[in-house]
Amino acid sequence: MPKKIGIICVIFGAVLIISALLLFFYNQYEDYRAGQEAESLLSDIKSVIAEKNHQTNTTSEHISDNAETELSETAEPTEETEETSAEETPIVMIKGYDYIGIISIPKLEIELPVMADWDYTRLKFAPCRQFGSSKTDDLVIAAHNYRSHFGNLHDLEFGDSVEFTDMEGNISIYSVESIQVLNATNVDAVQNSDYDLVLYTCTKIDETRLTVFCNRSDN
């Protein structure tokens, strides 16, 4: 009887080891797949941004030429007094999903596309906007803790640089101000942080989130 129990324990232990290995390799594969998908999407997004920049530059040159002609025919230049409202975040659909731009963290050597909306399916492809906009300085971006996504946020330090490029090619530069571990239920601390940019990801303890708070440094 003790011999049978020993055999059962050995088999049970072997099953646990195999299960752990399968889970490890599955997570490695998911990380690799996410990195490959993000890299492919990044190429598409850069092409869209480059095209929009080309269109903007062409339009600006046309407007500039017209403006010079008009000024030469006008005794005094007129001054615009009409106020314009804050611009909405530019969104472009690529392969069936909406994107708002690119997040780049030089220290971590990552450059990733950012989806306009978030859910667990989207998070498998790329970081996702959860709240706000770079236009209104309240942008919150979430991502999985894949090494190819936000898995190394813990390596950031005060003063490190973070860049966000929107779909019109506008670049916002931020500086890390604070790094905290928050409870997953503490949504208000993220959504209403008064910081210009917030990045966060899951920790190894699923109930907490590693959160990086940043402010603009390009003002």
C-alpha atoms as a PDB file:
ATOM      1  CA  MET A   1       0.000   0.000   0.000  1.00  0.00           C
ATOM      2  CA  PRO A   2       2.707   2.581   0.866  1.00  0.00           C
ATOM      3  CA  LYS A   3       4.386   1.710  -2.438  1.00  0.00           C
ATOM      4  CA  LYS A   4       1.170   2.500  -4.366  1.00  0.00           C
ATOM      5  CA  ILE A   5       0.793   5.802  -2.519  1.00  0.00           C
ATOM      6  CA  GLY A   6       4.373   6.664  -3.407  1.00  0.00           C
ATOM      7  CA  ILE A   7       3.740   5.908  -7.074  1.00  0.00           C
ATOM      8  CA  ILE A   8       0.589   8.039  -7.040  1.00  0.00           C
ATOM      9  CA  CYS A   9       2.501  10.931  -5.448  1.00  0.00           C
ATOM     10  CA  VAL A  10       5.234  10.665  -8.084  1.00  0.00           C
ATOM     11  CA  ILE A  11       2.677  10.653 -10.906  1.00  0.00           C
ATOM     12  CA  PHE A  12       0.809  13.583  -9.350  1.00  0.00           C
ATOM     13  CA  GLY A  13       4.056  15.527  -8.977  1.00  0.00           C
ATOM     14  CA  ALA A  14       5.000  14.798 -12.583  1.00  0.00           C
ATOM     15  CA  VAL A  15       1.584  16.044 -13.755  1.00  0.00           C
ATOM     16  CA  LEU A  16       2.055  19.278 -11.803  1.00  0.00           C
ATOM     17  CA  ILE A  17       5.522  19.805 -13.280  1.00  0.00           C
ATOM     18  CA  ILE A  18       4.294  19.151 -16.812  1.00  0.00           C
ATOM     19  CA  SER A  19       1.339  21.496 -16.280  1.00  0.00           C
ATOM     20  CA  ALA A  20       3.649  24.224 -15.003  1.00  0.00           C
ATOM     21  CA  LEU A  21       5.952  23.779 -18.009  1.00  0.00           C
ATOM     22  CA  LEU A  22       3.020  23.886 -20.438  1.00  0.00           C
ATOM     23  CA  LEU A  23       1.772  27.080 -18.794  1.00  0.00           C
ATOM     24  CA  PHE A  24       5.254  28.601 -18.973  1.00  0.00           C
ATOM     25  CA  PHE A  25       5.659  27.803 -22.659  1.00  0.00           C
ATOM     26  CA  TYR A  26       2.129  29.010 -23.398  1.00  0.00           C
ATOM     27  CA  ASN A  27       2.874  32.353 -21.722  1.00  0.00           C
ATOM     28  CA  GLN A  28       6.142  32.590 -23.657  1.00  0.00           C
ATOM     29  CA  TYR A  29       4.283  31.944 -26.885  1.00  0.00           C
ATOM     30  CA  GLU A  30       1.616  34.552 -26.036  1.00  0.00           C
ATOM     31  CA  ASP A  31       4.349  37.078 -25.281  1.00  0.00           C
ATOM     32  CA  TYR A  32       6.101  36.337 -28.577  1.00  0.00           C
ATOM     33  CA  ARG A  33       2.837  36.439 -30.550  1.00  0.00           C
ATOM     34  CA  ALA A  34       1.857  39.756 -28.944  1.00  0.00           C
ATOM     35  CA  GLY A  35       5.231  41.243 -29.840  1.00  0.00           C
ATOM     36  CA  GLN A  36       4.977  40.085 -33.451  1.00  0.00           C
ATOM     37  CA  GLU A  37       1.425  41.402 -33.783  1.00  0.00           C
ATOM     38  CA  ALA A  38       2.370  44.768 -32.305  1.00  0.00           C
ATOM     39  CA  GLU A  39       5.360  45.054 -34.631  1.00  0.00           C
ATOM     40  CA  SER A  40       3.167  44.352 -37.664  1.00  0.00           C
ATOM     41  CA  LEU A  41       0.565  46.903 -36.570  1.00  0.00           C
ATOM     42  CA  LEU A  42       3.270  49.462 -35.827  1.00  0.00           C
ATOM     43  CA  SER A  43       4.405  49.354 -39.423  1.00  0.00           C
ATOM     44  CA  ASP A  44       0.850  50.017 -40.642  1.00  0.00           C
ATOM     45  CA  ILE A  45       0.341  52.887 -38.206  1.00  0.00           C
ATOM     46  CA  LYS A  46       3.632  54.551 -39.163  1.00  0.00           C
ATOM     47  CA  SER A  47       2.568  54.399 -42.797  1.00  0.00           C
ATOM     48  CA  VAL A  48      -0.744  56.103 -41.953  1.00  0.00           C
ATOM     49  CA  ILE A  49       1.022  58.818 -39.923  1.00  0.00           C
ATOM     50  CA  ALA A  50       3.558  59.426 -42.693  1.00  0.00           C
ATOM     51  CA  GLU A  51       0.769  59.768 -45.235  1.00  0.00           C
ATOM     52  CA  LYS A  52      -1.150  62.199 -43.024  1.00  0.00           C
ATOM     53  CA  ASN A  53       1.997  64.266 -42.478  1.00  0.00           C
ATOM     54  CA  HIS A  54       2.532  64.404 -46.229  1.00  0.00           C
ATOM     55  CA  GLN A  55      -1.060  65.555 -46.770  1.00  0.00           C
ATOM     56  CA  THR A  56      -0.743  68.154 -43.998  1.00  0.00           C
ATOM     57  CA  ASN A  57       2.512  69.525 -45.393  1.00  0.00           C
ATOM     58  CA  THR A  58       1.045  69.732 -48.891  1.00  0.00           C
ATOM     59  CA  THR A  59      -2.037  71.536 -47.587  1.00  0.00           C
ATOM     60  CA  SER A  60       0.090  73.910 -45.486  1.00  0.00           C
ATOM     61  CA  GLU A  61       2.219  74.842 -48.483  1.00  0.00           C
ATOM     62  CA  HIS A  62      -0.917  75.521 -50.538  1.00  0.00           C
ATOM     63  CA  ILE A  63      -2.429  77.675 -47.764  1.00  0.00           C
ATOM     64  CA  SER A  64       0.872  79.516 -47.310  1.00  0.00           C
ATOM     65  CA  ASP A  65       1.045  80.367 -51.020  1.00  0.00           C
ATOM     66  CA  ASN A  66      -2.542  81.644 -50.977  1.00  0.00           C
ATOM     67  CA  ALA A  67      -1.912  83.643 -47.797  1.00  0.00           C
ATOM     68  CA  GLU A  68       1.077  85.422 -49.342  1.00  0.00           C
ATOM     69  CA  THR A  69      -1.031  86.397 -52.342  1.00  0.00           C
ATOM     70  CA  GLU A  70      -3.864  87.681 -50.147  1.00  0.00           C
ATOM     71  CA  LEU A  71      -1.525  89.696 -47.890  1.00  0.00           C
ATOM     72  CA  SER A  72       0.079  91.363 -50.858  1.00  0.00           C
ATOM     73  CA  GLU A  73      -3.368  92.611 -51.882  1.00  0.00           C
ATOM     74  CA  THR A  74      -4.442  93.748 -48.383  1.00  0.00           C
ATOM     75  CA  ALA A  75      -3.353  96.989 -46.702  1.00  0.00           C
ATOM     76  CA  GLU A  76      -3.442  95.559 -43.172  1.00  0.00           C
ATOM     77  CA  PRO A  77      -3.527  91.912 -42.041  1.00  0.00           C
ATOM     78  CA  THR A  78      -6.687  90.856 -40.223  1.00  0.00           C
ATOM     79  CA  GLU A  79      -6.615  89.157 -36.807  1.00  0.00           C
ATOM     80  CA  GLU A  80      -8.722  86.081 -36.083  1.00  0.00           C
ATOM     81  CA  THR A  81     -10.853  86.398 -32.965  1.00  0.00           C
ATOM     82  CA  GLU A  82     -12.942  83.236 -33.257  1.00  0.00           C
ATOM     83  CA  GLU A  83     -12.158  80.669 -30.556  1.00  0.00           C
ATOM     84  CA  THR A  84     -11.717  77.029 -31.523  1.00  0.00           C
ATOM     85  CA  SER A  85     -12.691  74.126 -29.290  1.00  0.00           C
ATOM     86  CA  ALA A  86     -10.250  71.418 -28.197  1.00  0.00           C
ATOM     87  CA  GLU A  87      -9.624  68.850 -30.916  1.00  0.00           C
ATOM     88  CA  GLU A  88     -10.879  65.303 -30.566  1.00  0.00           C
ATOM     89  CA  THR A  89      -8.362  62.475 -30.464  1.00  0.00           C
ATOM     90  CA  PRO A  90      -7.668  61.418 -34.063  1.00  0.00           C
ATOM     91  CA  ILE A  91      -8.596  57.757 -34.610  1.00  0.00           C
ATOM     92  CA  VAL A  92      -7.761  55.512 -37.565  1.00  0.00           C
ATOM     93  CA  MET A  93      -9.119  52.011 -38.187  1.00  0.00           C
ATOM     94  CA  ILE A  94      -6.558  49.381 -39.185  1.00  0.00           C
ATOM     95  CA  LYS A  95      -7.444  45.717 -39.711  1.00  0.00           C
ATOM     96  CA  GLY A  96     -10.818  46.167 -38.038  1.00  0.00           C
ATOM     97  CA  TYR A  97      -9.606  47.992 -34.895  1.00  0.00           C
ATOM     98  CA  ASP A  98      -9.333  51.684 -34.027  1.00  0.00           C
ATOM     99  CA  TYR A  99      -5.936  53.160 -33.080  1.00  0.00           C
ATOM    100  CA  ILE A 100      -4.935  56.506 -31.554  1.00  0.00           C
ATOM    101  CA  GLY A 101      -1.167  56.413 -31.998  1.00  0.00           C
ATOM    102  CA  ILE A 102       2.160  55.037 -30.788  1.00  0.00           C
ATOM    103  CA  ILE A 103       3.661  54.852 -27.297  1.00  0.00           C
ATOM    104  CA  SER A 104       7.459  54.840 -27.118  1.00  0.00           C
ATOM    105  CA  ILE A 105       9.639  54.277 -24.043  1.00  0.00           C
ATOM    106  CA  PRO A 106      13.329  54.671 -25.011  1.00  0.00           C
ATOM    107  CA  LYS A 107      14.748  53.216 -21.795  1.00  0.00           C
ATOM    108  CA  LEU A 108      12.777  49.995 -22.247  1.00  0.00           C
ATOM    109  CA  GLU A 109      13.445  49.974 -26.011  1.00  0.00           C
ATOM    110  CA  ILE A 110       9.769  49.515 -26.808  1.00  0.00           C
ATOM    111  CA  GLU A 111       7.586  51.208 -29.394  1.00  0.00           C
ATOM    112  CA  LEU A 112       3.988  50.015 -29.502  1.00  0.00           C
ATOM    113  CA  PRO A 113       0.691  50.857 -31.206  1.00  0.00           C
ATOM    114  CA  VAL A 114      -2.122  52.070 -28.936  1.00  0.00           C
ATOM    115  CA  MET A 115      -5.712  50.999 -29.527  1.00  0.00           C
ATOM    116  CA  ALA A 116      -8.515  53.525 -29.080  1.00  0.00           C
ATOM    117  CA  ASP A 117     -10.616  51.288 -26.801  1.00  0.00           C
ATOM    118  CA  TRP A 118      -9.825  48.475 -24.448  1.00  0.00           C
ATOM    119  CA  ASP A 119     -11.059  45.008 -23.654  1.00  0.00           C
ATOM    120  CA  TYR A 120      -9.264  41.740 -22.931  1.00  0.00           C
ATOM    121  CA  THR A 121      -9.242  40.709 -26.589  1.00  0.00           C
ATOM    122  CA  ARG A 122      -7.626  43.979 -27.689  1.00  0.00           C
ATOM    123  CA  LEU A 123      -5.045  43.809 -24.909  1.00  0.00           C
ATOM    124  CA  LYS A 124      -3.679  40.620 -26.482  1.00  0.00           C
ATOM    125  CA  PHE A 125      -2.695  42.644 -29.554  1.00  0.00           C
ATOM    126  CA  ALA A 126      -1.489  45.975 -28.184  1.00  0.00           C
ATOM    127  CA  PRO A 127      -1.712  48.511 -25.330  1.00  0.00           C
ATOM    128  CA  CYS A 128      -5.135  50.158 -25.115  1.00  0.00           C
ATOM    129  CA  ARG A 129      -6.427  53.573 -24.127  1.00  0.00           C
ATOM    130  CA  GLN A 130      -8.668  53.243 -21.104  1.00  0.00           C
ATOM    131  CA  PHE A 131      -9.427  56.908 -20.472  1.00  0.00           C
ATOM    132  CA  GLY A 132      -8.671  60.377 -21.759  1.00  0.00           C
ATOM    133  CA  SER A 133      -6.562  61.865 -24.517  1.00  0.00           C
ATOM    134  CA  SER A 134      -3.180  63.443 -25.153  1.00  0.00           C
ATOM    135  CA  LYS A 135      -5.163  66.491 -26.297  1.00  0.00           C
ATOM    136  CA  THR A 136      -6.638  66.998 -22.826  1.00  0.00           C
ATOM    137  CA  ASP A 137      -3.649  65.755 -20.789  1.00  0.00           C
ATOM    138  CA  ASP A 138      -5.479  62.906 -19.085  1.00  0.00           C
ATOM    139  CA  LEU A 139      -4.444  59.911 -21.174  1.00  0.00           C
ATOM    140  CA  VAL A 140      -4.467  56.499 -19.461  1.00  0.00           C
ATOM    141  CA  ILE A 141      -2.979  53.491 -21.291  1.00  0.00           C
ATOM    142  CA  ALA A 142      -3.204  49.888 -20.094  1.00  0.00           C
ATOM    143  CA  ALA A 143      -1.281  46.859 -21.387  1.00  0.00           C
ATOM    144  CA  HIS A 144      -0.543  43.246 -20.485  1.00  0.00           C
ATOM    145  CA  ASN A 145       2.632  42.484 -18.593  1.00  0.00           C
ATOM    146  CA  TYR A 146       4.153  40.729 -21.606  1.00  0.00           C
ATOM    147  CA  ARG A 147       7.845  41.586 -21.851  1.00  0.00           C
ATOM    148  CA  SER A 148       7.100  42.839 -25.369  1.00  0.00           C
ATOM    149  CA  HIS A 149       4.413  45.183 -23.964  1.00  0.00           C
ATOM    150  CA  PHE A 150       4.492  46.720 -20.439  1.00  0.00           C
ATOM    151  CA  GLY A 151       6.180  43.844 -18.616  1.00  0.00           C
ATOM    152  CA  ASN A 152       9.271  45.917 -17.788  1.00  0.00           C
ATOM    153  CA  LEU A 153       7.601  49.088 -16.535  1.00  0.00           C
ATOM    154  CA  HIS A 154       9.160  48.349 -13.141  1.00  0.00           C
ATOM    155  CA  ASP A 155      12.556  49.276 -14.641  1.00  0.00           C
ATOM    156  CA  LEU A 156      11.502  52.899 -15.143  1.00  0.00           C
ATOM    157  CA  GLU A 157      12.740  55.596 -12.788  1.00  0.00           C
ATOM    158  CA  PHE A 158      11.926  59.198 -11.982  1.00  0.00           C
ATOM    159  CA  GLY A 159      12.753  61.439 -14.929  1.00  0.00           C
ATOM    160  CA  ASP A 160      12.724  58.745 -17.618  1.00  0.00           C
ATOM    161  CA  SER A 161      11.210  59.819 -20.923  1.00  0.00           C
ATOM    162  CA  VAL A 162       7.984  58.539 -22.505  1.00  0.00           C
ATOM    163  CA  GLU A 163       6.719  59.649 -25.922  1.00  0.00           C
ATOM    164  CA  PHE A 164       3.267  59.448 -27.474  1.00  0.00           C
ATOM    165  CA  THR A 165       2.672  60.107 -31.181  1.00  0.00           C
ATOM    166  CA  ASP A 166      -0.937  60.554 -32.272  1.00  0.00           C
ATOM    167  CA  MET A 167      -2.330  59.547 -35.661  1.00  0.00           C
ATOM    168  CA  GLU A 168      -1.671  63.023 -37.042  1.00  0.00           C
ATOM    169  CA  GLY A 169       2.017  62.804 -36.198  1.00  0.00           C
ATOM    170  CA  ASN A 170       1.881  65.130 -33.169  1.00  0.00           C
ATOM    171  CA  ILE A 171       4.496  64.061 -30.610  1.00  0.00           C
ATOM    172  CA  SER A 172       3.951  64.548 -26.868  1.00  0.00           C
ATOM    173  CA  ILE A 173       6.961  64.045 -24.601  1.00  0.00           C
ATOM    174  CA  TYR A 174       6.479  63.094 -20.953  1.00  0.00           C
ATOM    175  CA  SER A 175       8.679  62.517 -17.941  1.00  0.00           C
ATOM    176  CA  VAL A 176       8.105  59.861 -15.259  1.00  0.00           C
ATOM    177  CA  GLU A 177       7.033  61.489 -11.989  1.00  0.00           C
ATOM    178  CA  SER A 178       5.926  58.574  -9.823  1.00  0.00           C
ATOM    179  CA  ILE A 179       5.689  54.766  -9.864  1.00  0.00           C
ATOM    180  CA  GLN A 180       3.162  53.069  -7.593  1.00  0.00           C
ATOM    181  CA  VAL A 181       1.511  49.699  -7.037  1.00  0.00           C
ATOM    182  CA  LEU A 182      -2.258  50.157  -6.765  1.00  0.00           C
ATOM    183  CA  ASN A 183      -5.163  47.850  -6.055  1.00  0.00           C
ATOM    184  CA  ALA A 184      -7.007  46.785  -9.204  1.00  0.00           C
ATOM    185  CA  THR A 185     -10.199  48.321  -7.782  1.00  0.00           C
ATOM    186  CA  ASN A 186      -8.613  51.753  -7.290  1.00  0.00           C
ATOM    187  CA  VAL A 187      -9.858  53.099 -10.624  1.00  0.00           C
ATOM    188  CA  ASP A 188     -10.262  56.683  -9.416  1.00  0.00           C
ATOM    189  CA  ALA A 189      -6.544  56.981  -8.599  1.00  0.00           C
ATOM    190  CA  VAL A 190      -5.814  56.224 -12.244  1.00  0.00           C
ATOM    191  CA  GLN A 191      -8.661  58.019 -14.000  1.00  0.00           C
ATOM    192  CA  ASN A 192      -8.477  61.199 -11.913  1.00  0.00           C
ATOM    193  CA  SER A 193      -4.775  61.292 -11.083  1.00  0.00           C
ATOM    194  CA  ASP A 194      -4.141  64.888 -12.291  1.00  0.00           C
ATOM    195  CA  TYR A 195      -1.139  63.537 -14.239  1.00  0.00           C
ATOM    196  CA  ASP A 196      -0.885  64.082 -17.999  1.00  0.00           C
ATOM    197  CA  LEU A 197      -0.170  60.430 -18.813  1.00  0.00           C
ATOM    198  CA  VAL A 198      -0.669  57.202 -16.859  1.00  0.00           C
ATOM    199  CA  LEU A 199       0.644  53.770 -17.889  1.00  0.00           C
ATOM    200  CA  TYR A 200      -0.232  50.600 -16.014  1.00  0.00           C
ATOM    201  CA  THR A 201      -0.051  46.823 -16.169  1.00  0.00           C
ATOM    202  CA  CYS A 202      -0.780  43.785 -14.017  1.00  0.00           C
ATOM    203  CA  THR A 203       1.736  42.626 -11.427  1.00  0.00           C
ATOM    204  CA  LYS A 204       2.409  38.990 -10.605  1.00  0.00           C
ATOM    205  CA  ILE A 205      -0.274  39.440  -7.969  1.00  0.00           C
ATOM    206  CA  ASP A 206      -3.383  39.792 -10.111  1.00  0.00           C
ATOM    207  CA  GLU A 207      -5.130  42.069  -7.620  1.00  0.00           C
ATOM    208  CA  THR A 208      -2.590  44.884  -8.042  1.00  0.00           C
ATOM    209  CA  ARG A 209      -1.394  47.111 -10.889  1.00  0.00           C
ATOM    210  CA  LEU A 210       2.044  48.633 -11.466  1.00  0.00           C
ATOM    211  CA  THR A 211       1.245  52.241 -12.356  1.00  0.00           C
ATOM    212  CA  VAL A 212       3.529  54.887 -13.868  1.00  0.00           C
ATOM    213  CA  PHE A 213       2.462  58.524 -13.593  1.00  0.00           C
ATOM    214  CA  CYS A 214       3.947  61.036 -16.040  1.00  0.00           C
ATOM    215  CA  ASN A 215       3.723  64.755 -16.808  1.00  0.00           C
ATOM    216  CA  ARG A 216       4.568  66.614 -19.974  1.00  0.00           C
ATOM    217  CA  SER A 217       8.132  67.764 -20.401  1.00  0.00           C
ATOM    218  CA  ASP A 218       7.639  69.323 -23.840  1.00  0.00           C
ATOM    219  CA  ASN A 219       5.880  72.502 -22.661  1.00  0.00           C
END
